[in-house]
N, C-alpha and C. Protein backbone atom coordinates (compact mmCIF):
# COMPACT_ATOMS: atom_id res chain seq x y z
N MET A 1 0.75 -1.29 0.00
CA MET A 1 -0.16 -0.04 -0.20
C MET A 1 0.96 1.40 -0.40
N ARG A 2 1.80 1.13 1.07
CA ARG A 2 2.97 2.51 0.79
C ARG A 2 3.51 2.54 -0.38
N ALA A 3 3.80 1.79 -1.37
CA ALA A 3 4.23 1.82 -2.75
C ALA A 3 3.40 2.32 -3.61
N VAL A 4 2.11 2.27 -3.42
CA VAL A 4 1.08 2.97 -4.15
C VAL A 4 0.95 4.41 -3.91
N TRP A 5 0.97 4.49 -2.50
CA TRP A 5 0.66 6.22 -2.20
C TRP A 5 2.13 6.91 -2.72
N ILE A 6 3.12 6.02 -2.77
CA ILE A 6 4.66 6.59 -3.18
C ILE A 6 4.30 7.04 -4.74
N CYS A 7 3.74 6.29 -5.64
CA CYS A 7 3.58 6.38 -6.74
C CYS A 7 2.53 7.71 -6.95
N VAL A 8 1.37 7.65 -6.02
CA VAL A 8 0.21 8.71 -6.27
C VAL A 8 1.05 10.00 -6.03
N LEU A 9 2.29 10.12 -5.03
CA LEU A 9 2.69 11.23 -4.68
C LEU A 9 3.65 11.75 -5.82
N GLY A 10 4.03 10.53 -6.70
CA GLY A 10 5.15 10.81 -7.66
C GLY A 10 4.38 11.27 -8.97
N LEU A 11 3.12 11.61 -8.91
CA LEU A 11 2.41 11.60 -10.19
C LEU A 11 2.99 12.36 -11.56
N LEU A 12 3.59 13.41 -10.97
CA LEU A 12 4.17 14.34 -11.99
C LEU A 12 5.35 13.54 -12.46
N SER A 13 6.16 12.80 -11.91
CA SER A 13 7.22 11.99 -12.50
C SER A 13 7.02 10.76 -13.20
N GLY A 14 5.70 10.49 -13.18
CA GLY A 14 5.50 9.40 -14.15
C GLY A 14 5.73 7.84 -13.30
N CYS A 15 5.55 7.85 -12.01
CA CYS A 15 6.03 7.16 -11.28
C CYS A 15 5.54 5.38 -11.75
N ALA A 16 6.50 4.34 -11.61
CA ALA A 16 6.21 3.17 -12.31
C ALA A 16 6.85 2.16 -11.28
N MET A 17 6.41 1.08 -10.88
CA MET A 17 7.22 0.08 -9.89
C MET A 17 6.92 -1.15 -10.85
N THR A 18 8.14 -1.99 -10.81
CA THR A 18 8.11 -3.21 -11.48
C THR A 18 8.98 -4.28 -10.48
N VAL A 19 8.23 -5.42 -10.44
CA VAL A 19 8.41 -6.50 -9.22
C VAL A 19 8.50 -7.95 -9.99
N PRO A 20 9.37 -8.65 -9.57
CA PRO A 20 9.27 -9.86 -10.12
C PRO A 20 7.87 -10.78 -9.59
N VAL A 21 7.96 -11.97 -10.78
CA VAL A 21 6.38 -12.60 -10.44
C VAL A 21 6.99 -13.99 -10.94
N ALA A 22 6.66 -15.12 -9.88
CA ALA A 22 6.56 -16.55 -10.28
C ALA A 22 5.31 -17.26 -10.32
N VAL A 23 5.09 -17.95 -11.03
CA VAL A 23 4.25 -18.92 -10.89
C VAL A 23 4.70 -20.49 -10.89
N ILE A 24 4.39 -21.17 -9.73
CA ILE A 24 4.56 -22.58 -9.68
C ILE A 24 3.44 -23.46 -9.74
N SER A 25 3.38 -24.25 -10.97
CA SER A 25 1.96 -25.05 -11.02
C SER A 25 2.23 -26.41 -10.25
N GLY A 26 0.99 -26.94 -10.15
CA GLY A 26 0.95 -27.94 -9.25
C GLY A 26 2.02 -29.24 -9.39
N ASN A 27 2.33 -29.40 -10.66
CA ASN A 27 3.34 -30.57 -11.09
C ASN A 27 4.99 -29.80 -11.22
N GLY A 28 5.03 -28.77 -10.65
CA GLY A 28 6.14 -28.08 -10.67
C GLY A 28 6.63 -27.33 -11.70
N ASP A 29 6.05 -27.03 -12.68
CA ASP A 29 6.67 -26.31 -13.79
C ASP A 29 6.64 -24.57 -13.15
N VAL A 30 7.90 -23.97 -13.63
CA VAL A 30 7.67 -22.57 -13.21
C VAL A 30 7.77 -21.64 -14.28
N MET A 31 6.99 -20.51 -14.17
CA MET A 31 7.03 -19.37 -14.89
C MET A 31 7.49 -18.38 -14.32
N ARG A 32 8.33 -17.59 -15.23
CA ARG A 32 8.62 -16.27 -14.48
C ARG A 32 8.47 -15.29 -15.30
N GLY A 33 8.29 -13.92 -14.61
CA GLY A 33 8.14 -12.77 -15.35
C GLY A 33 8.24 -11.75 -14.31
N SER A 34 7.08 -10.26 -14.57
CA SER A 34 7.45 -9.31 -13.81
C SER A 34 5.81 -8.67 -13.90
N SER A 35 5.73 -7.88 -12.88
CA SER A 35 4.57 -7.13 -12.64
C SER A 35 4.77 -5.82 -12.63
N THR A 36 4.03 -4.83 -13.19
CA THR A 36 4.45 -3.38 -13.15
C THR A 36 3.22 -2.40 -12.68
N ALA A 37 3.27 -1.92 -11.75
CA ALA A 37 2.47 -0.74 -11.23
C ALA A 37 2.40 0.47 -11.65
N SER A 38 1.45 1.39 -12.30
CA SER A 38 1.63 2.48 -12.21
C SER A 38 0.38 3.18 -12.29
N LEU A 39 0.26 4.58 -12.38
CA LEU A 39 -1.02 5.13 -12.28
C LEU A 39 -2.09 4.90 -13.19
N SER A 40 -1.48 4.22 -14.35
CA SER A 40 -2.48 4.19 -15.50
C SER A 40 -3.07 2.52 -15.18
N GLY A 41 -2.49 1.56 -14.24
CA GLY A 41 -3.11 0.64 -14.00
C GLY A 41 -1.54 -0.21 -13.46
N GLY A 42 -2.07 -1.76 -13.66
CA GLY A 42 -1.21 -2.59 -13.33
C GLY A 42 -1.13 -3.72 -14.40
N SER A 43 -0.08 -4.56 -14.42
CA SER A 43 -0.03 -5.65 -15.44
C SER A 43 0.90 -6.30 -15.11
N PHE A 44 0.80 -7.51 -15.42
CA PHE A 44 1.89 -8.95 -15.06
C PHE A 44 1.71 -9.73 -16.55
N SER A 45 3.10 -10.54 -16.44
CA SER A 45 3.05 -11.30 -17.49
C SER A 45 4.32 -12.12 -17.30
N VAL A 46 3.98 -13.72 -17.37
CA VAL A 46 4.99 -14.67 -17.21
C VAL A 46 5.15 -15.66 -18.17
N THR A 47 6.30 -16.28 -18.33
CA THR A 47 6.52 -17.11 -19.39
C THR A 47 7.05 -18.28 -19.08
N GLY A 48 7.03 -19.26 -19.36
CA GLY A 48 7.65 -20.84 -18.99
C GLY A 48 7.09 -21.75 -19.53
N ARG A 49 7.52 -23.25 -19.26
CA ARG A 49 6.79 -24.18 -19.63
C ARG A 49 5.94 -24.70 -18.72
N LEU A 50 4.48 -24.69 -19.56
CA LEU A 50 3.41 -25.23 -18.62
C LEU A 50 2.92 -26.41 -19.30
N ARG A 51 2.78 -27.54 -18.83
CA ARG A 51 2.37 -28.78 -19.25
C ARG A 51 3.37 -28.95 -20.47
N GLY A 52 4.52 -28.79 -20.26
CA GLY A 52 5.32 -29.30 -21.53
C GLY A 52 5.69 -28.28 -22.59
N LYS A 53 4.93 -27.02 -22.69
CA LYS A 53 4.82 -26.23 -23.71
C LYS A 53 5.27 -24.88 -23.29
N GLU A 54 6.07 -24.23 -24.03
CA GLU A 54 6.27 -22.80 -23.63
C GLU A 54 5.14 -22.03 -23.88
N THR A 55 4.73 -21.24 -22.58
CA THR A 55 3.60 -20.76 -22.69
C THR A 55 3.87 -19.18 -22.13
N THR A 56 3.08 -18.18 -22.58
CA THR A 56 3.08 -16.86 -21.88
C THR A 56 1.67 -16.50 -21.33
N CYS A 57 1.71 -16.10 -20.07
CA CYS A 57 0.18 -15.70 -19.41
C CYS A 57 0.62 -14.50 -18.88
N SER A 58 -0.60 -13.59 -19.08
CA SER A 58 -0.63 -12.40 -18.83
C SER A 58 -2.08 -11.72 -18.13
N GLY A 59 -1.85 -10.76 -17.57
CA GLY A 59 -3.31 -10.29 -16.90
C GLY A 59 -2.79 -8.72 -16.35
N SER A 60 -4.11 -7.83 -16.32
CA SER A 60 -4.20 -6.71 -15.82
C SER A 60 -4.86 -6.62 -14.31
N TYR A 61 -4.61 -5.63 -13.74
CA TYR A 61 -5.63 -5.44 -12.41
C TYR A 61 -5.35 -3.81 -12.24
N ASP A 62 -6.21 -3.33 -10.81
CA ASP A 62 -6.33 -2.02 -10.55
C ASP A 62 -5.20 -1.90 -9.53
N ALA A 63 -4.25 -1.11 -10.09
CA ALA A 63 -2.98 -0.79 -9.16
C ALA A 63 -2.98 0.03 -8.16
N LEU A 64 -4.16 1.08 -8.26
CA LEU A 64 -4.56 1.98 -7.16
C LEU A 64 -5.63 1.50 -6.29
N SER A 65 -6.18 0.23 -6.30
CA SER A 65 -6.94 -0.15 -5.23
C SER A 65 -6.04 -0.51 -4.13
N SER A 66 -7.02 -0.06 -2.73
CA SER A 66 -6.49 -0.46 -1.65
C SER A 66 -6.66 -1.49 -1.00
N SER A 67 -7.36 -2.26 -1.73
CA SER A 67 -7.98 -3.55 -1.26
C SER A 67 -6.32 -4.68 -1.12
N PRO A 68 -6.26 -5.25 0.13
CA PRO A 68 -5.08 -6.40 -0.08
C PRO A 68 -5.24 -7.57 -0.93
N THR A 69 -6.86 -7.75 -1.02
CA THR A 69 -7.00 -8.94 -2.07
C THR A 69 -7.30 -8.31 -3.41
N ILE A 70 -6.60 -8.87 -4.39
CA ILE A 70 -6.80 -8.32 -5.64
C ILE A 70 -7.11 -9.73 -6.40
N SER A 71 -7.77 -9.57 -7.59
CA SER A 71 -8.34 -10.52 -8.36
C SER A 71 -7.81 -10.01 -9.75
N MET A 72 -7.33 -10.63 -10.74
CA MET A 72 -6.57 -10.51 -12.02
C MET A 72 -7.13 -11.53 -12.89
N PRO A 73 -7.85 -11.23 -14.18
CA PRO A 73 -8.08 -12.17 -15.22
C PRO A 73 -6.79 -12.70 -15.91
N VAL A 74 -6.63 -13.64 -16.25
CA VAL A 74 -5.27 -14.11 -17.03
C VAL A 74 -5.79 -14.54 -18.62
N LEU A 75 -4.74 -14.23 -19.61
CA LEU A 75 -4.87 -14.93 -20.71
C LEU A 75 -3.73 -15.74 -21.03
N CYS A 76 -3.61 -16.47 -21.57
CA CYS A 76 -2.41 -17.48 -22.04
C CYS A 76 -2.28 -17.50 -23.58
N SER A 77 -1.12 -17.53 -23.80
CA SER A 77 -0.69 -17.46 -25.20
C SER A 77 -1.14 -18.90 -26.04
N ASP A 78 -1.61 -19.90 -25.25
CA ASP A 78 -2.27 -21.04 -25.85
C ASP A 78 -3.87 -20.99 -25.86
N GLY A 79 -4.42 -19.80 -25.27
CA GLY A 79 -5.80 -19.67 -25.44
C GLY A 79 -6.54 -19.88 -24.20
N ARG A 80 -5.85 -20.82 -23.29
CA ARG A 80 -6.35 -20.94 -22.05
C ARG A 80 -6.67 -19.50 -21.03
N LYS A 81 -7.78 -19.54 -20.26
CA LYS A 81 -8.18 -18.29 -19.61
C LYS A 81 -8.05 -18.65 -17.93
N GLY A 82 -8.06 -17.80 -17.10
CA GLY A 82 -8.10 -18.12 -15.75
C GLY A 82 -8.36 -16.86 -14.97
N ILE A 83 -8.17 -16.85 -13.59
CA ILE A 83 -7.97 -15.72 -12.81
C ILE A 83 -7.15 -15.94 -11.53
N VAL A 84 -6.06 -15.03 -11.27
CA VAL A 84 -5.36 -15.06 -10.31
C VAL A 84 -6.21 -14.41 -8.80
N ILE A 85 -6.15 -14.71 -7.78
CA ILE A 85 -6.55 -14.01 -6.44
C ILE A 85 -5.49 -14.25 -5.69
N ALA A 86 -4.74 -12.83 -5.36
CA ALA A 86 -3.76 -12.62 -4.62
C ALA A 86 -3.61 -11.91 -3.51
N THR A 87 -3.16 -11.94 -2.52
CA THR A 87 -3.07 -11.01 -1.09
C THR A 87 -1.79 -10.33 -1.20
N ARG A 88 -1.79 -8.84 -1.13
CA ARG A 88 -0.53 -8.24 -1.09
C ARG A 88 -0.18 -8.30 0.57
N ASP A 89 1.03 -8.15 0.78
CA ASP A 89 1.64 -7.96 2.01
C ASP A 89 1.35 -6.34 2.44
N PRO A 90 1.68 -6.03 3.68
CA PRO A 90 1.50 -4.60 4.06
C PRO A 90 2.35 -3.63 3.08
N SER A 91 3.38 -4.06 2.71
CA SER A 91 4.17 -3.06 1.83
C SER A 91 3.46 -2.86 0.56
N GLY A 92 2.53 -3.55 0.14
CA GLY A 92 1.71 -3.58 -1.00
C GLY A 92 2.71 -4.17 -2.49
N VAL A 93 3.66 -4.14 -2.14
CA VAL A 93 4.54 -4.56 -3.42
C VAL A 93 5.21 -5.94 -3.46
N SER A 94 4.47 -6.69 -2.44
CA SER A 94 4.80 -8.33 -2.35
C SER A 94 3.75 -9.19 -1.64
N GLY A 95 3.68 -10.39 -2.27
CA GLY A 95 2.43 -11.04 -1.66
C GLY A 95 2.31 -12.39 -2.50
N SER A 96 1.36 -13.07 -2.29
CA SER A 96 1.18 -14.34 -3.18
C SER A 96 -0.41 -14.90 -3.14
N GLY A 97 -0.62 -15.74 -3.82
CA GLY A 97 -2.07 -16.18 -3.94
C GLY A 97 -2.33 -17.28 -4.90
N ARG A 98 -3.31 -17.52 -5.71
CA ARG A 98 -3.25 -18.97 -6.44
C ARG A 98 -3.90 -18.56 -8.13
N VAL A 99 -3.57 -19.26 -8.79
CA VAL A 99 -4.03 -19.04 -10.21
C VAL A 99 -4.63 -20.21 -10.47
N ARG A 100 -5.73 -20.14 -11.32
CA ARG A 100 -6.64 -21.29 -11.57
C ARG A 100 -6.95 -20.93 -13.19
N LEU A 101 -6.67 -22.02 -13.88
CA LEU A 101 -7.03 -21.80 -15.27
C LEU A 101 -8.46 -22.54 -15.71
N THR A 102 -9.01 -22.30 -16.89
CA THR A 102 -10.42 -23.00 -17.09
C THR A 102 -10.27 -24.37 -17.35
N ASP A 103 -9.12 -25.01 -17.71
CA ASP A 103 -8.55 -26.51 -17.96
C ASP A 103 -8.29 -27.29 -16.70
N GLY A 104 -8.33 -26.74 -15.60
CA GLY A 104 -8.02 -27.18 -14.12
C GLY A 104 -6.71 -27.00 -13.69
N THR A 105 -5.86 -26.44 -14.72
CA THR A 105 -4.44 -26.08 -14.17
C THR A 105 -4.64 -25.07 -12.76
N GLU A 106 -3.77 -25.25 -12.07
CA GLU A 106 -3.72 -24.58 -10.72
C GLU A 106 -2.24 -24.18 -10.23
N GLY A 107 -1.84 -22.98 -9.91
CA GLY A 107 -0.45 -22.95 -9.50
C GLY A 107 -0.47 -21.97 -8.37
N ASP A 108 0.79 -21.59 -7.62
CA ASP A 108 1.06 -20.62 -6.72
C ASP A 108 1.44 -19.35 -7.52
N PHE A 109 0.97 -18.08 -7.09
CA PHE A 109 1.31 -17.23 -7.82
C PHE A 109 2.08 -16.37 -6.70
N ILE A 110 3.22 -15.91 -7.04
CA ILE A 110 4.34 -15.14 -5.81
C ILE A 110 4.59 -14.01 -6.66
N PHE A 111 4.54 -12.78 -6.12
CA PHE A 111 5.24 -11.83 -6.56
C PHE A 111 6.16 -10.65 -5.29
N GLY A 112 7.08 -9.81 -6.11
CA GLY A 112 7.64 -9.23 -5.12
C GLY A 112 8.87 -9.98 -4.55
N GLN A 113 9.47 -9.67 -3.46
CA GLN A 113 10.75 -10.28 -3.09
C GLN A 113 10.89 -12.00 -3.17
N ALA A 114 9.79 -12.32 -2.81
CA ALA A 114 9.83 -13.94 -2.62
C ALA A 114 10.09 -14.37 -4.04
N ALA A 115 9.49 -13.85 -4.87
CA ALA A 115 9.58 -14.32 -6.17
C ALA A 115 10.87 -14.11 -7.25
N ALA A 116 11.62 -13.30 -6.68
CA ALA A 116 13.25 -13.08 -6.87
C ALA A 116 13.92 -14.39 -6.83
N SER A 117 13.78 -15.41 -6.05
CA SER A 117 14.73 -16.59 -5.87
C SER A 117 14.11 -17.68 -6.66
N PHE A 118 13.25 -17.48 -7.46
CA PHE A 118 13.03 -18.60 -8.61
C PHE A 118 13.24 -18.20 -9.87
């Protein structure tokens, strides 16, 4: 949350913040990427092997929302869709949640400092 307000205060400077993202599927596949929050909104994108195939999944969210829980629609390059529900920690720039795709694929969604180690 603090990071959002820092960006709001930096309105004239075009503030944007990018953090690492990792998605770990139930079978151990890891997708890596980043999430960027700015005054115009937030977005994330991850790429990696998912069920043996190179795939990119991305989505967007309301970066200015003060809610600790955010939901993000997901669209993958192979046509699959889904949703991420994640909870931000008090800093607002790290957290975790779950991603569920319409074909039943599920995984952990981690962003911020914890995702940097994946």
